[in-house]
Amino acid sequence: MILKGYKVNLRKLKKSDAVLIYKNANDKDIERFTTIPFPYKLEGAFKFVSKSHINIRHKKAFSFGIIEITSNLLIGIISLDSVDLVHNNAEIGFWLGKKFRGKGYMTEAIKLILNFGFNELKLERIYARVVSINIISQNILKKIGFVYEGTMRKSFLKNNRYMDDQIFSILSKDFKNLKN
């Protein structure tokens, strides 16, 4: 399964992707804004790839490698997690390797996975939980058309400190009305 864009493609993860996942995710900034630990271990990347295949098979989550078209390299991960096909919603999660940020790759990757979620999975709502200090991800979501819904105060513990999550969502009808 490949979702094709102009700058990036999204594709199902391969076992061989684990090394690039490890290299890109082993980053203090990614750890700061996600649940990914630092230091990130190579065995964690292999486990993530294996689990992603199981999740896709059971339609619980859909994780894709973000592949830069010009280099054909994996530069990040984007997922629809907590897929609920009864209530037709899912949570989006994403990260990008440090040297690939600020180039429009993530904006395109999010639009590709939204298209997949709304048109292939027939979801009605896709939401994101973004740690309150991650202003860049919040701005990307707003730019795409996500709406701020509220704050989950002290929703998770990170490095012995409680963090707030900002909740954003986009509905199927809103995504279809966007000018891509």
C-alpha atoms as a PDB file:
ATOM      1  CA  MET A   1       0.000   0.000   0.000  1.00  0.00           C
ATOM      2  CA  ILE A   2       1.494   3.328  -1.133  1.00  0.00           C
ATOM      3  CA  LEU A   3      -0.091   6.762  -0.728  1.00  0.00           C
ATOM      4  CA  LYS A   4       1.500   8.994  -3.372  1.00  0.00           C
ATOM      5  CA  GLY A   5       2.295  12.681  -2.981  1.00  0.00           C
ATOM      6  CA  TYR A   6       4.539  15.238  -4.694  1.00  0.00           C
ATOM      7  CA  LYS A   7       7.341  15.483  -2.118  1.00  0.00           C
ATOM      8  CA  VAL A   8       6.668  12.346  -0.079  1.00  0.00           C
ATOM      9  CA  ASN A   9       4.991   8.986  -0.377  1.00  0.00           C
ATOM     10  CA  LEU A  10       3.573   7.027   2.530  1.00  0.00           C
ATOM     11  CA  ARG A  11       4.049   3.283   2.570  1.00  0.00           C
ATOM     12  CA  LYS A  12       3.709   0.312   4.871  1.00  0.00           C
ATOM     13  CA  LEU A  13       6.827  -0.228   6.952  1.00  0.00           C
ATOM     14  CA  LYS A  14       9.422  -2.828   6.048  1.00  0.00           C
ATOM     15  CA  LYS A  15      11.745  -4.628   8.441  1.00  0.00           C
ATOM     16  CA  SER A  16      14.674  -2.900   6.699  1.00  0.00           C
ATOM     17  CA  ASP A  17      13.199   0.507   7.731  1.00  0.00           C
ATOM     18  CA  ALA A  18      14.080  -0.155  11.368  1.00  0.00           C
ATOM     19  CA  VAL A  19      17.605   1.263  11.005  1.00  0.00           C
ATOM     20  CA  LEU A  20      16.379   4.600   9.588  1.00  0.00           C
ATOM     21  CA  ILE A  21      13.556   4.735  12.134  1.00  0.00           C
ATOM     22  CA  TYR A  22      16.159   4.238  14.866  1.00  0.00           C
ATOM     23  CA  LYS A  23      18.521   6.897  13.422  1.00  0.00           C
ATOM     24  CA  ASN A  24      15.777   9.498  12.954  1.00  0.00           C
ATOM     25  CA  ALA A  25      13.854   8.847  16.172  1.00  0.00           C
ATOM     26  CA  ASN A  26      16.903   8.805  18.420  1.00  0.00           C
ATOM     27  CA  ASP A  27      16.521  12.535  18.961  1.00  0.00           C
ATOM     28  CA  LYS A  28      15.952  14.568  22.122  1.00  0.00           C
ATOM     29  CA  ASP A  29      13.383  16.803  20.352  1.00  0.00           C
ATOM     30  CA  ILE A  30      11.280  13.815  19.320  1.00  0.00           C
ATOM     31  CA  GLU A  31      11.485  12.447  22.856  1.00  0.00           C
ATOM     32  CA  ARG A  32      10.452  15.850  24.220  1.00  0.00           C
ATOM     33  CA  PHE A  33       7.250  15.984  22.179  1.00  0.00           C
ATOM     34  CA  THR A  34       6.219  12.299  21.928  1.00  0.00           C
ATOM     35  CA  THR A  35       6.071   9.107  23.950  1.00  0.00           C
ATOM     36  CA  ILE A  36       9.200   7.820  22.151  1.00  0.00           C
ATOM     37  CA  PRO A  37      11.983   7.283  24.715  1.00  0.00           C
ATOM     38  CA  PHE A  38      15.499   8.689  24.517  1.00  0.00           C
ATOM     39  CA  PRO A  39      17.838   7.110  23.884  1.00  0.00           C
ATOM     40  CA  TYR A  40      15.815   5.139  21.371  1.00  0.00           C
ATOM     41  CA  LYS A  41      17.097   1.621  20.806  1.00  0.00           C
ATOM     42  CA  LEU A  42      17.371  -0.249  17.505  1.00  0.00           C
ATOM     43  CA  GLU A  43      15.431  -3.179  18.980  1.00  0.00           C
ATOM     44  CA  GLY A  44      12.587  -0.733  19.712  1.00  0.00           C
ATOM     45  CA  ALA A  45      12.454   0.171  16.027  1.00  0.00           C
ATOM     46  CA  PHE A  46      12.286  -3.500  15.004  1.00  0.00           C
ATOM     47  CA  LYS A  47       9.478  -4.103  17.528  1.00  0.00           C
ATOM     48  CA  PHE A  48       7.613  -1.055  16.214  1.00  0.00           C
ATOM     49  CA  VAL A  49       7.770  -2.342  12.624  1.00  0.00           C
ATOM     50  CA  SER A  50       6.543  -5.809  13.670  1.00  0.00           C
ATOM     51  CA  LYS A  51       3.718  -4.351  15.748  1.00  0.00           C
ATOM     52  CA  SER A  52       2.709  -2.069  12.873  1.00  0.00           C
ATOM     53  CA  HIS A  53       2.102  -5.121  10.655  1.00  0.00           C
ATOM     54  CA  ILE A  54      -0.080  -6.763  13.321  1.00  0.00           C
ATOM     55  CA  ASN A  55      -2.044  -3.533  13.842  1.00  0.00           C
ATOM     56  CA  ILE A  56      -2.706  -3.116  10.107  1.00  0.00           C
ATOM     57  CA  ARG A  57      -3.825  -6.736   9.819  1.00  0.00           C
ATOM     58  CA  HIS A  58      -6.326  -6.194  12.677  1.00  0.00           C
ATOM     59  CA  LYS A  59      -7.232  -2.656  11.475  1.00  0.00           C
ATOM     60  CA  LYS A  60      -6.306  -1.205  14.894  1.00  0.00           C
ATOM     61  CA  ALA A  61      -3.699   1.238  13.571  1.00  0.00           C
ATOM     62  CA  PHE A  62      -2.110   2.169  10.263  1.00  0.00           C
ATOM     63  CA  SER A  63       1.534   3.263  10.504  1.00  0.00           C
ATOM     64  CA  PHE A  64       3.329   4.444   7.404  1.00  0.00           C
ATOM     65  CA  GLY A  65       6.882   5.404   6.642  1.00  0.00           C
ATOM     66  CA  ILE A  66       7.200   8.911   5.240  1.00  0.00           C
ATOM     67  CA  ILE A  67       9.423   8.448   2.199  1.00  0.00           C
ATOM     68  CA  GLU A  68      11.143  11.447   0.612  1.00  0.00           C
ATOM     69  CA  ILE A  69      10.596  10.982  -3.112  1.00  0.00           C
ATOM     70  CA  THR A  70      13.914  12.417  -4.348  1.00  0.00           C
ATOM     71  CA  SER A  71      16.108  10.239  -2.110  1.00  0.00           C
ATOM     72  CA  ASN A  72      13.645   7.357  -1.557  1.00  0.00           C
ATOM     73  CA  LEU A  73      14.647   7.456   2.141  1.00  0.00           C
ATOM     74  CA  LEU A  74      12.410   7.027   5.161  1.00  0.00           C
ATOM     75  CA  ILE A  75      12.398  10.410   6.940  1.00  0.00           C
ATOM     76  CA  GLY A  76       9.666   9.911   9.541  1.00  0.00           C
ATOM     77  CA  ILE A  77       6.535   8.081  10.615  1.00  0.00           C
ATOM     78  CA  ILE A  78       2.854   8.971  10.439  1.00  0.00           C
ATOM     79  CA  SER A  79       0.060   6.848  11.889  1.00  0.00           C
ATOM     80  CA  LEU A  80      -3.632   6.560  12.389  1.00  0.00           C
ATOM     81  CA  ASP A  81      -3.829   5.009  15.849  1.00  0.00           C
ATOM     82  CA  SER A  82      -6.716   3.898  18.058  1.00  0.00           C
ATOM     83  CA  VAL A  83      -8.765   3.269  14.921  1.00  0.00           C
ATOM     84  CA  ASP A  84     -12.408   2.832  15.892  1.00  0.00           C
ATOM     85  CA  LEU A  85     -14.412   1.515  12.942  1.00  0.00           C
ATOM     86  CA  VAL A  86     -17.615   1.437  15.022  1.00  0.00           C
ATOM     87  CA  HIS A  87     -17.576   5.164  15.812  1.00  0.00           C
ATOM     88  CA  ASN A  88     -15.460   5.999  12.723  1.00  0.00           C
ATOM     89  CA  ASN A  89     -12.635   7.945  14.305  1.00  0.00           C
ATOM     90  CA  ALA A  90      -8.895   7.642  14.853  1.00  0.00           C
ATOM     91  CA  GLU A  91      -5.967   9.512  16.359  1.00  0.00           C
ATOM     92  CA  ILE A  92      -3.196  10.828  14.136  1.00  0.00           C
ATOM     93  CA  GLY A  93       0.415  10.747  15.309  1.00  0.00           C
ATOM     94  CA  PHE A  94       3.565  11.809  13.484  1.00  0.00           C
ATOM     95  CA  TRP A  95       7.228  12.702  13.725  1.00  0.00           C
ATOM     96  CA  LEU A  96       9.939  13.708  11.277  1.00  0.00           C
ATOM     97  CA  GLY A  97      13.719  13.373  11.410  1.00  0.00           C
ATOM     98  CA  LYS A  98      15.457  16.611  12.409  1.00  0.00           C
ATOM     99  CA  LYS A  99      17.126  17.420   9.088  1.00  0.00           C
ATOM    100  CA  PHE A 100      13.837  17.036   7.183  1.00  0.00           C
ATOM    101  CA  ARG A 101      11.765  19.545   9.168  1.00  0.00           C
ATOM    102  CA  GLY A 102      10.539  22.845   7.752  1.00  0.00           C
ATOM    103  CA  LYS A 103      10.340  21.654   4.144  1.00  0.00           C
ATOM    104  CA  GLY A 104       6.609  20.943   3.848  1.00  0.00           C
ATOM    105  CA  TYR A 105       7.012  17.174   4.098  1.00  0.00           C
ATOM    106  CA  MET A 106       4.831  16.792   7.170  1.00  0.00           C
ATOM    107  CA  THR A 107       2.021  18.964   5.821  1.00  0.00           C
ATOM    108  CA  GLU A 108       1.830  16.769   2.718  1.00  0.00           C
ATOM    109  CA  ALA A 109       2.103  13.539   4.745  1.00  0.00           C
ATOM    110  CA  ILE A 110      -0.781  14.605   6.999  1.00  0.00           C
ATOM    111  CA  LYS A 111      -2.979  15.428   3.994  1.00  0.00           C
ATOM    112  CA  LEU A 112      -2.179  12.033   2.458  1.00  0.00           C
ATOM    113  CA  ILE A 113      -3.097  10.105   5.605  1.00  0.00           C
ATOM    114  CA  LEU A 114      -6.254  12.200   6.113  1.00  0.00           C
ATOM    115  CA  ASN A 115      -7.308  11.330   2.578  1.00  0.00           C
ATOM    116  CA  PHE A 116      -6.695   7.646   3.366  1.00  0.00           C
ATOM    117  CA  GLY A 117      -8.596   7.844   6.666  1.00  0.00           C
ATOM    118  CA  PHE A 118     -11.606   9.676   5.306  1.00  0.00           C
ATOM    119  CA  ASN A 119     -11.878   8.085   1.857  1.00  0.00           C
ATOM    120  CA  GLU A 120     -10.571   4.525   2.364  1.00  0.00           C
ATOM    121  CA  LEU A 121     -11.442   3.829   5.994  1.00  0.00           C
ATOM    122  CA  LYS A 122     -14.592   6.003   5.862  1.00  0.00           C
ATOM    123  CA  LEU A 123     -13.727   7.767   9.125  1.00  0.00           C
ATOM    124  CA  GLU A 124     -15.820  10.713  10.261  1.00  0.00           C
ATOM    125  CA  ARG A 125     -13.322  12.328  12.669  1.00  0.00           C
ATOM    126  CA  ILE A 126      -9.547  12.301  13.036  1.00  0.00           C
ATOM    127  CA  TYR A 127      -8.049  13.871  16.121  1.00  0.00           C
ATOM    128  CA  ALA A 128      -4.587  14.695  17.415  1.00  0.00           C
ATOM    129  CA  ARG A 129      -3.189  15.008  20.921  1.00  0.00           C
ATOM    130  CA  VAL A 130      -0.258  17.411  20.859  1.00  0.00           C
ATOM    131  CA  VAL A 131       1.803  18.191  23.940  1.00  0.00           C
ATOM    132  CA  SER A 132       1.187  21.837  24.862  1.00  0.00           C
ATOM    133  CA  ILE A 133       4.817  22.890  24.316  1.00  0.00           C
ATOM    134  CA  ASN A 134       4.860  21.552  20.718  1.00  0.00           C
ATOM    135  CA  ILE A 135       3.749  24.753  19.001  1.00  0.00           C
ATOM    136  CA  ILE A 136       5.126  23.717  15.580  1.00  0.00           C
ATOM    137  CA  SER A 137       2.900  20.611  15.349  1.00  0.00           C
ATOM    138  CA  GLN A 138      -0.089  22.612  16.594  1.00  0.00           C
ATOM    139  CA  ASN A 139       0.487  25.200  13.860  1.00  0.00           C
ATOM    140  CA  ILE A 140       0.793  22.523  11.149  1.00  0.00           C
ATOM    141  CA  LEU A 141      -2.523  21.012  12.225  1.00  0.00           C
ATOM    142  CA  LYS A 142      -4.274  24.406  12.278  1.00  0.00           C
ATOM    143  CA  LYS A 143      -2.864  25.259   8.839  1.00  0.00           C
ATOM    144  CA  ILE A 144      -4.329  22.030   7.440  1.00  0.00           C
ATOM    145  CA  GLY A 145      -7.767  22.704   8.948  1.00  0.00           C
ATOM    146  CA  PHE A 146      -7.791  20.966  12.320  1.00  0.00           C
ATOM    147  CA  VAL A 147      -9.817  22.734  14.998  1.00  0.00           C
ATOM    148  CA  TYR A 148      -8.642  23.162  18.592  1.00  0.00           C
ATOM    149  CA  GLU A 149     -11.075  21.354  20.916  1.00  0.00           C
ATOM    150  CA  GLY A 150      -9.517  21.813  24.331  1.00  0.00           C
ATOM    151  CA  THR A 151      -6.778  20.896  26.753  1.00  0.00           C
ATOM    152  CA  MET A 152      -6.349  17.640  28.615  1.00  0.00           C
ATOM    153  CA  ARG A 153      -4.593  18.883  31.719  1.00  0.00           C
ATOM    154  CA  LYS A 154      -1.737  16.794  33.080  1.00  0.00           C
ATOM    155  CA  SER A 155      -2.682  13.938  30.762  1.00  0.00           C
ATOM    156  CA  PHE A 156       0.653  12.139  30.837  1.00  0.00           C
ATOM    157  CA  LEU A 157       3.842  11.930  32.832  1.00  0.00           C
ATOM    158  CA  LYS A 158       7.071  12.691  30.984  1.00  0.00           C
ATOM    159  CA  ASN A 159      10.444  12.766  32.756  1.00  0.00           C
ATOM    160  CA  ASN A 160       8.768  13.092  36.162  1.00  0.00           C
ATOM    161  CA  ARG A 161       6.717  16.066  34.959  1.00  0.00           C
ATOM    162  CA  TYR A 162       3.035  16.118  34.067  1.00  0.00           C
ATOM    163  CA  MET A 163       2.297  17.472  30.611  1.00  0.00           C
ATOM    164  CA  ASP A 164      -0.882  18.908  29.078  1.00  0.00           C
ATOM    165  CA  ASP A 165      -2.196  17.759  25.703  1.00  0.00           C
ATOM    166  CA  GLN A 166      -3.896  20.089  23.261  1.00  0.00           C
ATOM    167  CA  ILE A 167      -6.679  18.277  21.368  1.00  0.00           C
ATOM    168  CA  PHE A 168      -7.320  19.090  17.714  1.00  0.00           C
ATOM    169  CA  SER A 169      -9.681  17.410  15.255  1.00  0.00           C
ATOM    170  CA  ILE A 170     -10.867  17.520  11.689  1.00  0.00           C
ATOM    171  CA  LEU A 171     -14.106  16.092  10.353  1.00  0.00           C
ATOM    172  CA  SER A 172     -14.604  14.354   7.029  1.00  0.00           C
ATOM    173  CA  LYS A 173     -16.816  17.148   5.640  1.00  0.00           C
ATOM    174  CA  ASP A 174     -14.262  19.806   6.644  1.00  0.00           C
ATOM    175  CA  PHE A 175     -11.415  17.928   4.970  1.00  0.00           C
ATOM    176  CA  LYS A 176     -13.415  17.530   1.751  1.00  0.00           C
ATOM    177  CA  ASN A 177     -14.066  21.294   1.706  1.00  0.00           C
ATOM    178  CA  LEU A 178     -10.371  22.173   2.016  1.00  0.00           C
ATOM    179  CA  LYS A 179      -8.435  23.396  -0.972  1.00  0.00           C
ATOM    180  CA  ASN A 180      -5.492  20.996  -1.231  1.00  0.00           C
END
